[in-house]
Amino acid sequence: MDPIFIDEKGAKIQAGIKSHLIPFFDGQLQEDAVVILSKFGVGENKDLYKVVVQPYKINFYRCTTVTPDTS
């Protein structure tokens, strides 16, 4: 799964979620939802197919947390 995140300024970044973690995050991420991510990694985007022209990507780990933004 390679979701795209957009910040409040409109900047986009691709994320990577390994297949064994998809069931854990699938119910937490929804299109057009505002969330707060924590405990994630940032690394070089070495994907052959880059959805976003950005040299970095967010990497989800088992310890990554997704919290709905209530503000």
PDB file of N, CA and C in Angstrom:
ATOM      1  N   MET A   1       0.862  -1.168   0.000  1.00  0.00           N
ATOM      2  CA  MET A   1       0.000   0.000   0.000  1.00  0.00           C
ATOM      3  C   MET A   1       0.906   1.227   0.000  1.00  0.00           C
ATOM      4  N   ASP A   2       0.630   2.168  -0.891  1.00  0.00           N
ATOM      5  CA  ASP A   2       1.420   3.389  -0.999  1.00  0.00           C
ATOM      6  C   ASP A   2       0.516   4.621  -0.926  1.00  0.00           C
ATOM      7  N   PRO A   3       0.037   4.977   0.269  1.00  0.00           N
ATOM      8  CA  PRO A   3      -0.823   6.156   0.372  1.00  0.00           C
ATOM      9  C   PRO A   3      -0.037   7.443   0.153  1.00  0.00           C
ATOM     10  N   ILE A   4      -0.750   8.488  -0.184  1.00  0.00           N
ATOM     11  CA  ILE A   4      -0.183   9.819  -0.367  1.00  0.00           C
ATOM     12  C   ILE A   4      -0.733  10.709   0.738  1.00  0.00           C
ATOM     13  N   PHE A   5       0.151  11.417   1.417  1.00  0.00           N
ATOM     14  CA  PHE A   5      -0.262  12.347   2.464  1.00  0.00           C
ATOM     15  C   PHE A   5      -0.016  13.763   2.000  1.00  0.00           C
ATOM     16  N   ILE A   6      -0.907  14.666   2.387  1.00  0.00           N
ATOM     17  CA  ILE A   6      -0.816  16.076   2.022  1.00  0.00           C
ATOM     18  C   ILE A   6      -0.865  16.891   3.300  1.00  0.00           C
ATOM     19  N   ASP A   7       0.113  17.808   3.469  1.00  0.00           N
ATOM     20  CA  ASP A   7       0.098  18.629   4.676  1.00  0.00           C
ATOM     21  C   ASP A   7      -0.773  19.871   4.465  1.00  0.00           C
ATOM     22  N   GLU A   8      -0.851  20.709   5.501  1.00  0.00           N
ATOM     23  CA  GLU A   8      -1.732  21.884   5.449  1.00  0.00           C
ATOM     24  C   GLU A   8      -1.303  22.901   4.397  1.00  0.00           C
ATOM     25  N   LYS A   9      -0.070  22.802   3.900  1.00  0.00           N
ATOM     26  CA  LYS A   9       0.418  23.714   2.862  1.00  0.00           C
ATOM     27  C   LYS A   9       0.255  23.128   1.467  1.00  0.00           C
ATOM     28  N   GLY A  10      -0.226  21.895   1.382  1.00  0.00           N
ATOM     29  CA  GLY A  10      -0.449  21.257   0.083  1.00  0.00           C
ATOM     30  C   GLY A  10       0.713  20.412  -0.409  1.00  0.00           C
ATOM     31  N   ALA A  11       1.779  20.298   0.388  1.00  0.00           N
ATOM     32  CA  ALA A  11       2.919  19.469  -0.014  1.00  0.00           C
ATOM     33  C   ALA A  11       2.539  17.992   0.118  1.00  0.00           C
ATOM     34  N   LYS A  12       2.917  17.198  -0.868  1.00  0.00           N
ATOM     35  CA  LYS A  12       2.570  15.780  -0.889  1.00  0.00           C
ATOM     36  C   LYS A  12       3.797  14.932  -0.610  1.00  0.00           C
ATOM     37  N   ILE A  13       3.579  13.793   0.055  1.00  0.00           N
ATOM     38  CA  ILE A  13       4.639  12.820   0.268  1.00  0.00           C
ATOM     39  C   ILE A  13       4.027  11.430   0.201  1.00  0.00           C
ATOM     40  N   GLN A  14       4.754  10.533  -0.429  1.00  0.00           N
ATOM     41  CA  GLN A  14       4.325   9.148  -0.560  1.00  0.00           C
ATOM     42  C   GLN A  14       4.695   8.394   0.709  1.00  0.00           C
ATOM     43  N   ALA A  15       3.922   7.396   1.040  1.00  0.00           N
ATOM     44  CA  ALA A  15       4.223   6.549   2.191  1.00  0.00           C
ATOM     45  C   ALA A  15       4.266   5.100   1.739  1.00  0.00           C
ATOM     46  N   GLY A  16       4.919   4.292   2.527  1.00  0.00           N
ATOM     47  CA  GLY A  16       4.983   2.872   2.233  1.00  0.00           C
ATOM     48  C   GLY A  16       4.550   2.062   3.439  1.00  0.00           C
ATOM     49  N   ILE A  17       3.637   1.124   3.189  1.00  0.00           N
ATOM     50  CA  ILE A  17       3.191   0.218   4.240  1.00  0.00           C
ATOM     51  C   ILE A  17       3.397  -1.198   3.716  1.00  0.00           C
ATOM     52  N   LYS A  18       4.259  -1.951   4.362  1.00  0.00           N
ATOM     53  CA  LYS A  18       4.547  -3.319   3.922  1.00  0.00           C
ATOM     54  C   LYS A  18       3.287  -4.185   4.028  1.00  0.00           C
ATOM     55  N   SER A  19       3.202  -5.176   3.176  1.00  0.00           N
ATOM     56  CA  SER A  19       1.983  -5.982   3.047  1.00  0.00           C
ATOM     57  C   SER A  19       1.526  -6.609   4.365  1.00  0.00           C
ATOM     58  N   HIS A  20       2.446  -7.034   5.218  1.00  0.00           N
ATOM     59  CA  HIS A  20       2.035  -7.663   6.476  1.00  0.00           C
ATOM     60  C   HIS A  20       1.469  -6.655   7.484  1.00  0.00           C
ATOM     61  N   LEU A  21       1.684  -5.343   7.247  1.00  0.00           N
ATOM     62  CA  LEU A  21       1.143  -4.307   8.137  1.00  0.00           C
ATOM     63  C   LEU A  21      -0.168  -3.697   7.615  1.00  0.00           C
ATOM     64  N   ILE A  22      -0.526  -3.987   6.384  1.00  0.00           N
ATOM     65  CA  ILE A  22      -1.734  -3.398   5.799  1.00  0.00           C
ATOM     66  C   ILE A  22      -2.982  -3.684   6.634  1.00  0.00           C
ATOM     67  N   PRO A  23      -3.216  -4.900   7.096  1.00  0.00           N
ATOM     68  CA  PRO A  23      -4.433  -5.135   7.896  1.00  0.00           C
ATOM     69  C   PRO A  23      -4.483  -4.275   9.169  1.00  0.00           C
ATOM     70  N   PHE A  24      -3.344  -3.987   9.739  1.00  0.00           N
ATOM     71  CA  PHE A  24      -3.297  -3.180  10.958  1.00  0.00           C
ATOM     72  C   PHE A  24      -3.696  -1.726  10.703  1.00  0.00           C
ATOM     73  N   PHE A  25      -3.251  -1.155   9.568  1.00  0.00           N
ATOM     74  CA  PHE A  25      -3.507   0.258   9.281  1.00  0.00           C
ATOM     75  C   PHE A  25      -4.701   0.491   8.369  1.00  0.00           C
ATOM     76  N   ASP A  26      -5.199  -0.538   7.714  1.00  0.00           N
ATOM     77  CA  ASP A  26      -6.280  -0.386   6.738  1.00  0.00           C
ATOM     78  C   ASP A  26      -7.504   0.319   7.320  1.00  0.00           C
ATOM     79  N   GLY A  27      -7.909  -0.021   8.508  1.00  0.00           N
ATOM     80  CA  GLY A  27      -9.072   0.613   9.116  1.00  0.00           C
ATOM     81  C   GLY A  27      -8.806   1.987   9.705  1.00  0.00           C
ATOM     82  N   GLN A  28      -7.527   2.363   9.810  1.00  0.00           N
ATOM     83  CA  GLN A  28      -7.167   3.646  10.417  1.00  0.00           C
ATOM     84  C   GLN A  28      -6.973   4.766   9.396  1.00  0.00           C
ATOM     85  N   LEU A  29      -6.773   4.393   8.138  1.00  0.00           N
ATOM     86  CA  LEU A  29      -6.527   5.382   7.092  1.00  0.00           C
ATOM     87  C   LEU A  29      -7.697   5.397   6.122  1.00  0.00           C
ATOM     88  N   GLN A  30      -8.270   6.586   5.941  1.00  0.00           N
ATOM     89  CA  GLN A  30      -9.389   6.735   5.020  1.00  0.00           C
ATOM     90  C   GLN A  30      -9.157   7.958   4.154  1.00  0.00           C
ATOM     91  N   GLU A  31      -9.618   7.891   2.936  1.00  0.00           N
ATOM     92  CA  GLU A  31      -9.471   9.003   2.007  1.00  0.00           C
ATOM     93  C   GLU A  31     -10.114  10.261   2.585  1.00  0.00           C
ATOM     94  N   ASP A  32      -9.433  11.377   2.428  1.00  0.00           N
ATOM     95  CA  ASP A  32      -9.884  12.704   2.877  1.00  0.00           C
ATOM     96  C   ASP A  32      -9.949  12.854   4.397  1.00  0.00           C
ATOM     97  N   ALA A  33      -9.414  11.909   5.147  1.00  0.00           N
ATOM     98  CA  ALA A  33      -9.393  12.017   6.605  1.00  0.00           C
ATOM     99  C   ALA A  33      -8.157  12.811   7.030  1.00  0.00           C
ATOM    100  N   VAL A  34      -8.294  13.545   8.118  1.00  0.00           N
ATOM    101  CA  VAL A  34      -7.174  14.277   8.687  1.00  0.00           C
ATOM    102  C   VAL A  34      -6.662  13.463   9.870  1.00  0.00           C
ATOM    103  N   VAL A  35      -5.376  13.097   9.819  1.00  0.00           N
ATOM    104  CA  VAL A  35      -4.792  12.262  10.873  1.00  0.00           C
ATOM    105  C   VAL A  35      -3.453  12.836  11.324  1.00  0.00           C
ATOM    106  N   ILE A  36      -3.044  12.403  12.479  1.00  0.00           N
ATOM    107  CA  ILE A  36      -1.726  12.735  13.010  1.00  0.00           C
ATOM    108  C   ILE A  36      -0.930  11.437  13.056  1.00  0.00           C
ATOM    109  N   LEU A  37       0.229  11.442  12.409  1.00  0.00           N
ATOM    110  CA  LEU A  37       1.098  10.272  12.403  1.00  0.00           C
ATOM    111  C   LEU A  37       2.225  10.476  13.405  1.00  0.00           C
ATOM    112  N   SER A  38       2.585   9.411  14.094  1.00  0.00           N
ATOM    113  CA  SER A  38       3.757   9.471  14.962  1.00  0.00           C
ATOM    114  C   SER A  38       4.465   8.127  14.927  1.00  0.00           C
ATOM    115  N   LYS A  39       5.720   8.144  15.316  1.00  0.00           N
ATOM    116  CA  LYS A  39       6.573   6.951  15.340  1.00  0.00           C
ATOM    117  C   LYS A  39       6.698   6.292  13.965  1.00  0.00           C
ATOM    118  N   PHE A  40       6.978   7.098  12.961  1.00  0.00           N
ATOM    119  CA  PHE A  40       7.198   6.608  11.600  1.00  0.00           C
ATOM    120  C   PHE A  40       8.627   6.935  11.191  1.00  0.00           C
ATOM    121  N   GLY A  41       9.051   6.403  10.081  1.00  0.00           N
ATOM    122  CA  GLY A  41      10.383   6.693   9.566  1.00  0.00           C
ATOM    123  C   GLY A  41      10.297   7.497   8.284  1.00  0.00           C
ATOM    124  N   VAL A  42      11.383   8.165   7.949  1.00  0.00           N
ATOM    125  CA  VAL A  42      11.497   8.888   6.684  1.00  0.00           C
ATOM    126  C   VAL A  42      12.767   8.396   6.013  1.00  0.00           C
ATOM    127  N   GLY A  43      12.640   7.994   4.771  1.00  0.00           N
ATOM    128  CA  GLY A  43      13.794   7.494   4.040  1.00  0.00           C
ATOM    129  C   GLY A  43      13.738   7.904   2.590  1.00  0.00           C
ATOM    130  N   GLU A  44      14.774   7.554   1.860  1.00  0.00           N
ATOM    131  CA  GLU A  44      14.817   7.857   0.438  1.00  0.00           C
ATOM    132  C   GLU A  44      13.713   7.101  -0.292  1.00  0.00           C
ATOM    133  N   ASN A  45      13.099   7.765  -1.243  1.00  0.00           N
ATOM    134  CA  ASN A  45      12.084   7.114  -2.068  1.00  0.00           C
ATOM    135  C   ASN A  45      12.795   6.477  -3.260  1.00  0.00           C
ATOM    136  N   LYS A  46      13.105   5.199  -3.125  1.00  0.00           N
ATOM    137  CA  LYS A  46      13.813   4.471  -4.181  1.00  0.00           C
ATOM    138  C   LYS A  46      12.862   3.628  -5.023  1.00  0.00           C
ATOM    139  N   ASP A  47      11.565   3.867  -4.884  1.00  0.00           N
ATOM    140  CA  ASP A  47      10.590   3.106  -5.671  1.00  0.00           C
ATOM    141  C   ASP A  47      10.800   3.363  -7.155  1.00  0.00           C
ATOM    142  N   LEU A  48      10.633   2.328  -7.960  1.00  0.00           N
ATOM    143  CA  LEU A  48      10.751   2.495  -9.407  1.00  0.00           C
ATOM    144  C   LEU A  48       9.634   3.372  -9.944  1.00  0.00           C
ATOM    145  N   TYR A  49       8.439   3.222  -9.371  1.00  0.00           N
ATOM    146  CA  TYR A  49       7.295   4.034  -9.777  1.00  0.00           C
ATOM    147  C   TYR A  49       6.975   4.996  -8.639  1.00  0.00           C
ATOM    148  N   LYS A  50       7.318   6.259  -8.835  1.00  0.00           N
ATOM    149  CA  LYS A  50       7.062   7.269  -7.812  1.00  0.00           C
ATOM    150  C   LYS A  50       5.739   7.962  -8.113  1.00  0.00           C
ATOM    151  N   VAL A  51       4.826   7.862  -7.189  1.00  0.00           N
ATOM    152  CA  VAL A  51       3.520   8.497  -7.347  1.00  0.00           C
ATOM    153  C   VAL A  51       3.662  10.007  -7.180  1.00  0.00           C
ATOM    154  N   VAL A  52       4.568  10.424  -6.314  1.00  0.00           N
ATOM    155  CA  VAL A  52       4.820  11.834  -6.034  1.00  0.00           C
ATOM    156  C   VAL A  52       6.293  12.105  -6.332  1.00  0.00           C
ATOM    157  N   VAL A  53       6.567  13.206  -7.018  1.00  0.00           N
ATOM    158  CA  VAL A  53       7.954  13.569  -7.299  1.00  0.00           C
ATOM    159  C   VAL A  53       8.525  14.199  -6.029  1.00  0.00           C
ATOM    160  N   GLN A  54       9.100  13.361  -5.203  1.00  0.00           N
ATOM    161  CA  GLN A  54       9.606  13.757  -3.895  1.00  0.00           C
ATOM    162  C   GLN A  54      10.722  12.769  -3.567  1.00  0.00           C
ATOM    163  N   PRO A  55      11.891  13.254  -3.147  1.00  0.00           N
ATOM    164  CA  PRO A  55      13.010  12.328  -2.910  1.00  0.00           C
ATOM    165  C   PRO A  55      12.870  11.463  -1.652  1.00  0.00           C
ATOM    166  N   TYR A  56      11.897  11.765  -0.810  1.00  0.00           N
ATOM    167  CA  TYR A  56      11.729  11.018   0.435  1.00  0.00           C
ATOM    168  C   TYR A  56      10.342  10.408   0.529  1.00  0.00           C
ATOM    169  N   LYS A  57      10.197   9.443   1.425  1.00  0.00           N
ATOM    170  CA  LYS A  57       8.889   8.855   1.674  1.00  0.00           C
ATOM    171  C   LYS A  57       8.780   8.498   3.150  1.00  0.00           C
ATOM    172  N   ILE A  58       7.544   8.375   3.606  1.00  0.00           N
ATOM    173  CA  ILE A  58       7.258   7.969   4.979  1.00  0.00           C
ATOM    174  C   ILE A  58       7.184   6.451   5.009  1.00  0.00           C
ATOM    175  N   ASN A  59       7.805   5.857   6.005  1.00  0.00           N
ATOM    176  CA  ASN A  59       7.749   4.404   6.189  1.00  0.00           C
ATOM    177  C   ASN A  59       6.974   4.091   7.463  1.00  0.00           C
ATOM    178  N   PHE A  60       5.968   3.264   7.330  1.00  0.00           N
ATOM    179  CA  PHE A  60       5.173   2.835   8.480  1.00  0.00           C
ATOM    180  C   PHE A  60       5.835   1.627   9.125  1.00  0.00           C
ATOM    181  N   TYR A  61       5.809   1.586  10.444  1.00  0.00           N
ATOM    182  CA  TYR A  61       6.305   0.457  11.215  1.00  0.00           C
ATOM    183  C   TYR A  61       5.183  -0.056  12.098  1.00  0.00           C
ATOM    184  N   ARG A  62       5.416  -1.189  12.740  1.00  0.00           N
ATOM    185  CA  ARG A  62       4.395  -1.723  13.647  1.00  0.00           C
ATOM    186  C   ARG A  62       4.094  -0.738  14.776  1.00  0.00           C
ATOM    187  N   CYS A  63       5.075   0.055  15.190  1.00  0.00           N
ATOM    188  CA  CYS A  63       4.885   1.016  16.281  1.00  0.00           C
ATOM    189  C   CYS A  63       4.291   2.350  15.816  1.00  0.00           C
ATOM    190  N   THR A  64       4.108   2.529  14.499  1.00  0.00           N
ATOM    191  CA  THR A  64       3.521   3.770  13.980  1.00  0.00           C
ATOM    192  C   THR A  64       2.100   3.915  14.502  1.00  0.00           C
ATOM    193  N   THR A  65       1.766   5.138  14.916  1.00  0.00           N
ATOM    194  CA  THR A  65       0.402   5.383  15.382  1.00  0.00           C
ATOM    195  C   THR A  65      -0.296   6.382  14.472  1.00  0.00           C
ATOM    196  N   VAL A  66      -1.562   6.138  14.248  1.00  0.00           N
ATOM    197  CA  VAL A  66      -2.418   7.002  13.442  1.00  0.00           C
ATOM    198  C   VAL A  66      -3.548   7.471  14.352  1.00  0.00           C
ATOM    199  N   THR A  67      -3.597   8.779  14.580  1.00  0.00           N
ATOM    200  CA  THR A  67      -4.613   9.351  15.472  1.00  0.00           C
ATOM    201  C   THR A  67      -5.483  10.313  14.676  1.00  0.00           C
ATOM    202  N   PRO A  68      -6.809  10.168  14.719  1.00  0.00           N
ATOM    203  CA  PRO A  68      -7.675  11.136  14.036  1.00  0.00           C
ATOM    204  C   PRO A  68      -7.482  12.534  14.638  1.00  0.00           C
ATOM    205  N   ASP A  69      -7.415  13.535  13.777  1.00  0.00           N
ATOM    206  CA  ASP A  69      -7.275  14.921  14.231  1.00  0.00           C
ATOM    207  C   ASP A  69      -8.666  15.439  14.575  1.00  0.00           C
ATOM    208  N   THR A  70      -8.879  15.837  15.792  1.00  0.00           N
ATOM    209  CA  THR A  70     -10.193  16.287  16.244  1.00  0.00           C
ATOM    210  C   THR A  70     -10.333  17.804  16.263  1.00  0.00           C
ATOM    211  N   SER A  71      -9.307  18.524  15.794  1.00  0.00           N
ATOM    212  CA  SER A  71      -9.396  19.994  15.839  1.00  0.00           C
ATOM    213  C   SER A  71     -10.156  20.559  14.659  1.00  0.00           C
TER     214      SER A  71
END
